[in-house]
Amino acid sequence: MAALTAPRSPSRRGDVAYAHKGVPMAASTTIFRGGMVDKAASGGMFKPAATNTTDKCQGVALETKTNGAVAGATSIQIATGVHNMNNSSAGDQITAADIGNDCFVVDDNTVARTNGGSTRHVAGKVWDVAPDGTVDVLFAVDA
């Protein structure tokens, strides 16, 4: 998959476990509704999830927002709980055997079975694998 270029409407299982009223966004960034959101290791600002080893995935965006050149000038609402994401492919594809295991960020809407040779950080726990191959992921805040 590729990073989002427009909002998506991933399915959610049950109620949102916790919705942040608003977290500060990184400078010069757009976060799309339905995409995973990372808290940057440096500066603590929030941005679209992406492959790296230092950020912390905090949940899924409840809205689409763009922040200008000033870090923290705009806030965005994010939620924890179980949300549906795209599955990686080939050897990194998540299967039912992975339920309960960590899954890893590939981009802001794709998760993988492995850490990609220590290049990816944890997105959340595999909750279920849908018949269409997408993955229900349990997101919990990792402060």
N, C-alpha and C. Protein backbone atom coordinates (compact mmCIF):
# COMPACT_ATOMS: atom_id res chain seq x y z
N MET A 1 0.84 -1.18 0.00
CA MET A 1 0.00 0.00 0.00
C MET A 1 0.88 1.25 0.00
N ALA A 2 0.23 2.37 -0.13
CA ALA A 2 0.93 3.65 -0.08
C ALA A 2 0.26 4.54 0.95
N ALA A 3 0.98 5.54 1.41
CA ALA A 3 0.44 6.48 2.38
C ALA A 3 -0.80 7.16 1.82
N LEU A 4 -1.68 7.56 2.71
CA LEU A 4 -2.94 8.18 2.31
C LEU A 4 -2.72 9.51 1.60
N THR A 5 -3.58 9.78 0.62
CA THR A 5 -3.61 11.07 -0.05
C THR A 5 -5.00 11.68 0.05
N ALA A 6 -5.90 10.96 0.74
CA ALA A 6 -7.27 11.42 0.98
C ALA A 6 -7.80 10.69 2.21
N PRO A 7 -8.87 11.20 2.81
CA PRO A 7 -9.44 10.52 3.97
C PRO A 7 -9.92 9.12 3.62
N ARG A 8 -9.94 8.24 4.60
CA ARG A 8 -10.50 6.91 4.43
C ARG A 8 -11.48 6.66 5.56
N SER A 9 -12.33 5.71 5.38
CA SER A 9 -13.32 5.38 6.40
C SER A 9 -13.13 3.95 6.85
N PRO A 10 -12.13 3.69 7.69
CA PRO A 10 -11.94 2.32 8.15
C PRO A 10 -13.05 1.93 9.11
N SER A 11 -13.38 0.66 9.12
CA SER A 11 -14.41 0.22 10.05
C SER A 11 -13.83 0.17 11.45
N ARG A 12 -14.71 0.29 12.41
CA ARG A 12 -14.33 0.29 13.80
C ARG A 12 -15.14 -0.79 14.49
N ARG A 13 -14.54 -1.52 15.40
CA ARG A 13 -15.26 -2.54 16.17
C ARG A 13 -15.69 -1.95 17.49
N GLY A 14 -16.98 -1.85 17.71
CA GLY A 14 -17.47 -1.32 18.97
C GLY A 14 -17.24 0.17 19.08
N ASP A 15 -17.32 0.64 20.30
CA ASP A 15 -17.13 2.06 20.55
C ASP A 15 -15.65 2.41 20.51
N VAL A 16 -15.37 3.69 20.24
CA VAL A 16 -14.01 4.18 20.35
C VAL A 16 -13.64 4.09 21.82
N ALA A 17 -12.52 3.46 22.11
CA ALA A 17 -12.12 3.29 23.50
C ALA A 17 -11.79 4.62 24.16
N TYR A 18 -11.14 5.48 23.44
CA TYR A 18 -10.77 6.78 23.99
C TYR A 18 -10.51 7.73 22.84
N ALA A 19 -11.09 8.90 22.91
CA ALA A 19 -10.84 9.90 21.88
C ALA A 19 -10.17 11.11 22.54
N HIS A 20 -9.00 11.48 22.02
CA HIS A 20 -8.32 12.68 22.50
C HIS A 20 -9.08 13.89 21.99
N LYS A 21 -9.26 14.90 22.82
CA LYS A 21 -9.95 16.11 22.38
C LYS A 21 -9.15 16.85 21.33
N GLY A 22 -7.86 16.67 21.35
CA GLY A 22 -7.01 17.30 20.36
C GLY A 22 -5.55 17.20 20.76
N VAL A 23 -4.73 16.76 19.85
CA VAL A 23 -3.30 16.66 20.10
C VAL A 23 -2.58 17.55 19.09
N PRO A 24 -1.43 18.12 19.46
CA PRO A 24 -0.75 19.08 18.60
C PRO A 24 -0.08 18.43 17.39
N MET A 25 -0.30 19.02 16.23
CA MET A 25 0.25 18.49 14.99
C MET A 25 1.64 19.05 14.68
N ALA A 26 2.44 18.23 14.02
CA ALA A 26 3.76 18.66 13.54
C ALA A 26 3.58 19.75 12.48
N ALA A 27 4.60 20.55 12.29
CA ALA A 27 4.57 21.62 11.29
C ALA A 27 4.49 21.05 9.89
N SER A 28 3.82 21.79 9.02
CA SER A 28 3.76 21.50 7.59
C SER A 28 3.35 20.05 7.31
N THR A 29 2.25 19.63 7.91
CA THR A 29 1.80 18.26 7.73
C THR A 29 0.29 18.18 7.58
N THR A 30 -0.15 17.14 6.87
CA THR A 30 -1.58 16.83 6.75
C THR A 30 -1.79 15.42 7.28
N ILE A 31 -2.78 15.28 8.14
CA ILE A 31 -3.19 13.98 8.65
C ILE A 31 -4.59 13.72 8.13
N PHE A 32 -4.80 12.55 7.53
CA PHE A 32 -6.09 12.21 6.95
C PHE A 32 -6.93 11.36 7.89
N ARG A 33 -8.24 11.64 7.90
CA ARG A 33 -9.19 10.85 8.68
C ARG A 33 -9.03 9.37 8.33
N GLY A 34 -8.96 8.53 9.36
CA GLY A 34 -8.83 7.10 9.15
C GLY A 34 -7.41 6.60 9.10
N GLY A 35 -6.44 7.50 9.10
CA GLY A 35 -5.03 7.11 9.06
C GLY A 35 -4.46 6.98 10.46
N MET A 36 -3.46 6.11 10.59
CA MET A 36 -2.76 5.98 11.87
C MET A 36 -1.94 7.24 12.13
N VAL A 37 -1.81 7.57 13.42
CA VAL A 37 -1.12 8.80 13.82
C VAL A 37 0.00 8.45 14.79
N ASP A 38 1.20 9.00 14.52
CA ASP A 38 2.37 8.82 15.37
C ASP A 38 2.63 10.06 16.20
N LYS A 39 3.16 9.84 17.40
CA LYS A 39 3.72 10.93 18.20
C LYS A 39 5.22 10.89 17.93
N ALA A 40 5.75 11.99 17.41
CA ALA A 40 7.17 12.05 17.06
C ALA A 40 8.04 11.95 18.30
N ALA A 41 9.10 11.17 18.22
CA ALA A 41 10.03 11.01 19.33
C ALA A 41 10.70 12.34 19.66
N SER A 42 10.94 13.12 18.65
CA SER A 42 11.58 14.42 18.82
C SER A 42 10.52 15.52 18.78
N GLY A 43 10.29 16.19 19.88
CA GLY A 43 9.35 17.31 19.92
C GLY A 43 7.94 16.93 20.33
N GLY A 44 7.57 15.66 20.26
CA GLY A 44 6.27 15.22 20.73
C GLY A 44 5.08 15.65 19.90
N MET A 45 5.29 16.15 18.70
CA MET A 45 4.18 16.55 17.84
C MET A 45 3.63 15.32 17.11
N PHE A 46 2.39 15.40 16.66
CA PHE A 46 1.71 14.29 16.01
C PHE A 46 1.73 14.45 14.50
N LYS A 47 1.90 13.30 13.79
CA LYS A 47 2.04 13.30 12.34
C LYS A 47 1.53 11.96 11.80
N PRO A 48 1.37 11.85 10.47
CA PRO A 48 0.94 10.57 9.91
C PRO A 48 1.96 9.48 10.25
N ALA A 49 1.46 8.29 10.58
CA ALA A 49 2.35 7.18 10.88
C ALA A 49 3.16 6.82 9.64
N ALA A 50 4.41 6.46 9.86
CA ALA A 50 5.32 6.09 8.76
C ALA A 50 6.38 5.15 9.30
N THR A 51 7.02 4.43 8.40
CA THR A 51 8.09 3.52 8.79
C THR A 51 9.23 4.28 9.45
N ASN A 52 9.53 3.94 10.69
CA ASN A 52 10.69 4.45 11.42
C ASN A 52 10.76 3.66 12.72
N THR A 53 11.81 3.86 13.48
CA THR A 53 11.97 3.09 14.72
C THR A 53 11.83 3.94 15.98
N THR A 54 11.57 5.22 15.84
CA THR A 54 11.60 6.09 17.01
C THR A 54 10.24 6.63 17.44
N ASP A 55 9.28 6.75 16.53
CA ASP A 55 7.98 7.32 16.88
C ASP A 55 7.11 6.30 17.60
N LYS A 56 5.99 6.76 18.17
CA LYS A 56 5.04 5.90 18.87
C LYS A 56 3.66 6.07 18.23
N CYS A 57 3.10 5.00 17.73
CA CYS A 57 1.75 5.04 17.16
C CYS A 57 0.76 5.25 18.29
N GLN A 58 -0.12 6.24 18.13
CA GLN A 58 -1.03 6.61 19.21
C GLN A 58 -2.50 6.33 18.90
N GLY A 59 -2.84 5.99 17.66
CA GLY A 59 -4.23 5.72 17.33
C GLY A 59 -4.54 6.12 15.91
N VAL A 60 -5.81 6.44 15.67
CA VAL A 60 -6.33 6.72 14.34
C VAL A 60 -6.99 8.10 14.33
N ALA A 61 -6.75 8.87 13.27
CA ALA A 61 -7.32 10.21 13.15
C ALA A 61 -8.83 10.15 12.95
N LEU A 62 -9.56 10.99 13.67
CA LEU A 62 -11.01 11.07 13.54
C LEU A 62 -11.44 12.15 12.56
N GLU A 63 -10.47 12.90 12.06
CA GLU A 63 -10.76 14.00 11.13
C GLU A 63 -9.55 14.23 10.25
N THR A 64 -9.72 15.02 9.21
CA THR A 64 -8.61 15.42 8.34
C THR A 64 -8.24 16.85 8.70
N LYS A 65 -6.94 17.06 8.92
CA LYS A 65 -6.47 18.40 9.25
C LYS A 65 -5.11 18.64 8.60
N THR A 66 -4.87 19.92 8.28
CA THR A 66 -3.56 20.36 7.79
C THR A 66 -3.04 21.43 8.73
N ASN A 67 -1.77 21.30 9.11
CA ASN A 67 -1.13 22.30 9.94
C ASN A 67 -0.11 23.06 9.09
N GLY A 68 0.00 24.34 9.34
CA GLY A 68 0.96 25.17 8.61
C GLY A 68 2.37 25.03 9.15
N ALA A 69 3.12 26.11 9.05
CA ALA A 69 4.55 26.08 9.35
C ALA A 69 4.89 26.07 10.83
N VAL A 70 3.91 26.29 11.70
CA VAL A 70 4.19 26.37 13.13
C VAL A 70 3.74 25.08 13.83
N ALA A 71 4.69 24.37 14.39
CA ALA A 71 4.37 23.14 15.11
C ALA A 71 3.42 23.43 16.26
N GLY A 72 2.36 22.64 16.38
CA GLY A 72 1.42 22.78 17.47
C GLY A 72 0.34 23.82 17.26
N ALA A 73 0.36 24.53 16.14
CA ALA A 73 -0.65 25.57 15.90
C ALA A 73 -2.03 24.98 15.65
N THR A 74 -2.07 23.73 15.22
CA THR A 74 -3.33 23.04 14.94
C THR A 74 -3.36 21.75 15.74
N SER A 75 -4.55 21.39 16.22
CA SER A 75 -4.74 20.13 16.95
C SER A 75 -5.63 19.21 16.13
N ILE A 76 -5.51 17.91 16.39
CA ILE A 76 -6.34 16.93 15.70
C ILE A 76 -6.87 15.92 16.70
N GLN A 77 -8.08 15.42 16.46
CA GLN A 77 -8.67 14.41 17.31
C GLN A 77 -8.24 13.03 16.83
N ILE A 78 -7.80 12.19 17.76
CA ILE A 78 -7.44 10.81 17.43
C ILE A 78 -8.13 9.88 18.42
N ALA A 79 -8.24 8.60 18.04
CA ALA A 79 -8.93 7.63 18.88
C ALA A 79 -8.12 6.36 19.00
N THR A 80 -8.27 5.71 20.15
CA THR A 80 -7.72 4.37 20.34
C THR A 80 -8.86 3.38 20.11
N GLY A 81 -8.65 2.13 20.45
CA GLY A 81 -9.66 1.11 20.23
C GLY A 81 -9.28 0.24 19.04
N VAL A 82 -10.23 -0.52 18.53
CA VAL A 82 -9.98 -1.43 17.41
C VAL A 82 -10.44 -0.78 16.12
N HIS A 83 -9.50 -0.64 15.18
CA HIS A 83 -9.76 -0.03 13.87
C HIS A 83 -9.20 -0.94 12.78
N ASN A 84 -9.81 -0.90 11.62
CA ASN A 84 -9.42 -1.74 10.50
C ASN A 84 -8.38 -1.04 9.63
N MET A 85 -7.28 -1.74 9.31
CA MET A 85 -6.19 -1.21 8.49
C MET A 85 -5.89 -2.17 7.34
N ASN A 86 -5.20 -1.68 6.35
CA ASN A 86 -4.76 -2.52 5.24
C ASN A 86 -3.65 -3.45 5.70
N ASN A 87 -3.58 -4.60 5.06
CA ASN A 87 -2.58 -5.62 5.38
C ASN A 87 -1.41 -5.49 4.43
N SER A 88 -0.23 -5.78 4.92
CA SER A 88 0.96 -5.81 4.09
C SER A 88 0.85 -6.99 3.13
N SER A 89 1.86 -7.21 2.33
CA SER A 89 1.79 -8.29 1.34
C SER A 89 2.97 -9.24 1.49
N ALA A 90 2.91 -10.29 0.72
CA ALA A 90 3.97 -11.31 0.65
C ALA A 90 4.34 -11.83 2.03
N GLY A 91 5.62 -11.88 2.36
CA GLY A 91 6.09 -12.46 3.61
C GLY A 91 5.73 -11.67 4.85
N ASP A 92 5.25 -10.45 4.69
CA ASP A 92 4.87 -9.62 5.82
C ASP A 92 3.37 -9.55 6.04
N GLN A 93 2.62 -10.36 5.29
CA GLN A 93 1.17 -10.34 5.41
C GLN A 93 0.73 -10.97 6.73
N ILE A 94 -0.19 -10.31 7.40
CA ILE A 94 -0.72 -10.79 8.68
C ILE A 94 -1.81 -11.82 8.42
N THR A 95 -1.78 -12.92 9.19
CA THR A 95 -2.78 -13.98 9.08
C THR A 95 -3.44 -14.19 10.44
N ALA A 96 -4.44 -15.07 10.47
CA ALA A 96 -5.13 -15.38 11.73
C ALA A 96 -4.16 -15.91 12.79
N ALA A 97 -3.08 -16.53 12.36
CA ALA A 97 -2.08 -17.04 13.32
C ALA A 97 -1.40 -15.91 14.10
N ASP A 98 -1.52 -14.68 13.61
CA ASP A 98 -0.87 -13.53 14.25
C ASP A 98 -1.77 -12.81 15.26
N ILE A 99 -3.00 -13.26 15.41
CA ILE A 99 -3.91 -12.60 16.35
C ILE A 99 -3.29 -12.59 17.75
N GLY A 100 -3.29 -11.41 18.36
CA GLY A 100 -2.70 -11.22 19.69
C GLY A 100 -1.27 -10.74 19.65
N ASN A 101 -0.63 -10.81 18.50
CA ASN A 101 0.76 -10.35 18.36
C ASN A 101 0.81 -8.87 17.99
N ASP A 102 1.96 -8.26 18.20
CA ASP A 102 2.18 -6.91 17.71
C ASP A 102 2.14 -6.90 16.20
N CYS A 103 1.68 -5.77 15.63
CA CYS A 103 1.84 -5.52 14.20
C CYS A 103 2.56 -4.18 14.07
N PHE A 104 3.12 -3.94 12.90
CA PHE A 104 4.06 -2.83 12.74
C PHE A 104 3.63 -1.88 11.63
N VAL A 105 3.96 -0.60 11.80
CA VAL A 105 3.59 0.46 10.87
C VAL A 105 4.40 0.35 9.59
N VAL A 106 3.70 0.29 8.46
CA VAL A 106 4.33 0.40 7.14
C VAL A 106 4.14 1.83 6.64
N ASP A 107 2.90 2.29 6.66
CA ASP A 107 2.55 3.67 6.36
C ASP A 107 1.31 4.01 7.18
N ASP A 108 0.66 5.11 6.91
CA ASP A 108 -0.44 5.54 7.78
C ASP A 108 -1.73 4.73 7.64
N ASN A 109 -1.74 3.72 6.77
CA ASN A 109 -2.93 2.88 6.67
C ASN A 109 -2.62 1.42 6.41
N THR A 110 -1.35 1.02 6.62
CA THR A 110 -0.93 -0.36 6.36
C THR A 110 -0.09 -0.88 7.53
N VAL A 111 -0.40 -2.12 7.93
CA VAL A 111 0.37 -2.78 8.99
C VAL A 111 0.99 -4.07 8.45
N ALA A 112 2.07 -4.50 9.12
CA ALA A 112 2.81 -5.69 8.69
C ALA A 112 3.06 -6.61 9.87
N ARG A 113 3.38 -7.85 9.57
CA ARG A 113 3.65 -8.88 10.58
C ARG A 113 4.97 -8.62 11.30
N THR A 114 6.00 -8.13 10.59
CA THR A 114 7.33 -8.00 11.17
C THR A 114 7.76 -6.54 11.29
N ASN A 115 8.86 -6.35 11.99
CA ASN A 115 9.41 -5.00 12.13
C ASN A 115 10.31 -4.61 10.96
N GLY A 116 10.27 -5.41 9.90
CA GLY A 116 11.00 -5.05 8.68
C GLY A 116 12.50 -4.99 8.87
N GLY A 117 13.05 -5.92 9.65
CA GLY A 117 14.50 -5.89 9.91
C GLY A 117 14.87 -4.73 10.81
N SER A 118 14.06 -4.50 11.82
CA SER A 118 14.27 -3.41 12.80
C SER A 118 14.17 -2.03 12.17
N THR A 119 13.25 -1.86 11.20
CA THR A 119 13.04 -0.55 10.58
C THR A 119 11.67 0.03 10.90
N ARG A 120 10.80 -0.75 11.57
CA ARG A 120 9.42 -0.31 11.85
C ARG A 120 9.13 -0.34 13.34
N HIS A 121 8.20 0.52 13.76
CA HIS A 121 7.74 0.53 15.14
C HIS A 121 6.35 -0.11 15.24
N VAL A 122 5.97 -0.46 16.46
CA VAL A 122 4.71 -1.14 16.71
C VAL A 122 3.53 -0.20 16.44
N ALA A 123 2.53 -0.72 15.72
CA ALA A 123 1.28 0.01 15.51
C ALA A 123 0.31 -0.31 16.64
N GLY A 124 0.17 -1.61 16.93
CA GLY A 124 -0.76 -2.07 17.95
C GLY A 124 -0.77 -3.58 17.96
N LYS A 125 -1.85 -4.17 18.47
CA LYS A 125 -2.01 -5.63 18.52
C LYS A 125 -2.99 -6.08 17.44
N VAL A 126 -2.69 -7.21 16.82
CA VAL A 126 -3.61 -7.80 15.85
C VAL A 126 -4.82 -8.32 16.61
N TRP A 127 -5.99 -7.77 16.32
CA TRP A 127 -7.23 -8.16 16.97
C TRP A 127 -7.92 -9.26 16.18
N ASP A 128 -7.91 -9.09 14.83
CA ASP A 128 -8.58 -10.05 13.95
C ASP A 128 -8.10 -9.79 12.53
N VAL A 129 -8.32 -10.79 11.67
CA VAL A 129 -8.06 -10.63 10.24
C VAL A 129 -9.40 -10.85 9.54
N ALA A 130 -9.85 -9.85 8.81
CA ALA A 130 -11.15 -9.91 8.14
C ALA A 130 -11.09 -10.82 6.92
N PRO A 131 -12.25 -11.31 6.47
CA PRO A 131 -12.28 -12.16 5.28
C PRO A 131 -11.65 -11.52 4.04
N ASP A 132 -11.70 -10.18 3.96
CA ASP A 132 -11.09 -9.50 2.81
C ASP A 132 -9.59 -9.31 2.97
N GLY A 133 -9.02 -9.80 4.08
CA GLY A 133 -7.58 -9.72 4.30
C GLY A 133 -7.12 -8.50 5.07
N THR A 134 -8.02 -7.55 5.32
CA THR A 134 -7.63 -6.40 6.12
C THR A 134 -7.48 -6.82 7.58
N VAL A 135 -6.87 -5.95 8.37
CA VAL A 135 -6.51 -6.31 9.75
C VAL A 135 -7.19 -5.37 10.74
N ASP A 136 -7.87 -5.96 11.73
CA ASP A 136 -8.39 -5.17 12.84
C ASP A 136 -7.27 -5.05 13.86
N VAL A 137 -6.91 -3.81 14.17
CA VAL A 137 -5.78 -3.53 15.06
C VAL A 137 -6.28 -2.85 16.32
N LEU A 138 -5.82 -3.32 17.47
CA LEU A 138 -6.12 -2.68 18.75
C LEU A 138 -5.05 -1.63 19.01
N PHE A 139 -5.47 -0.37 19.02
CA PHE A 139 -4.57 0.76 19.30
C PHE A 139 -4.75 1.19 20.73
N ALA A 140 -3.64 1.40 21.43
CA ALA A 140 -3.67 1.90 22.80
C ALA A 140 -2.58 2.94 22.92
N VAL A 141 -2.86 4.00 23.66
CA VAL A 141 -1.88 5.08 23.82
C VAL A 141 -0.65 4.55 24.54
N ASP A 142 0.50 4.85 23.98
CA ASP A 142 1.78 4.48 24.56
C ASP A 142 2.51 5.77 24.87
N ALA A 143 2.24 6.33 26.03
CA ALA A 143 2.73 7.67 26.38
C ALA A 143 4.23 7.78 26.40
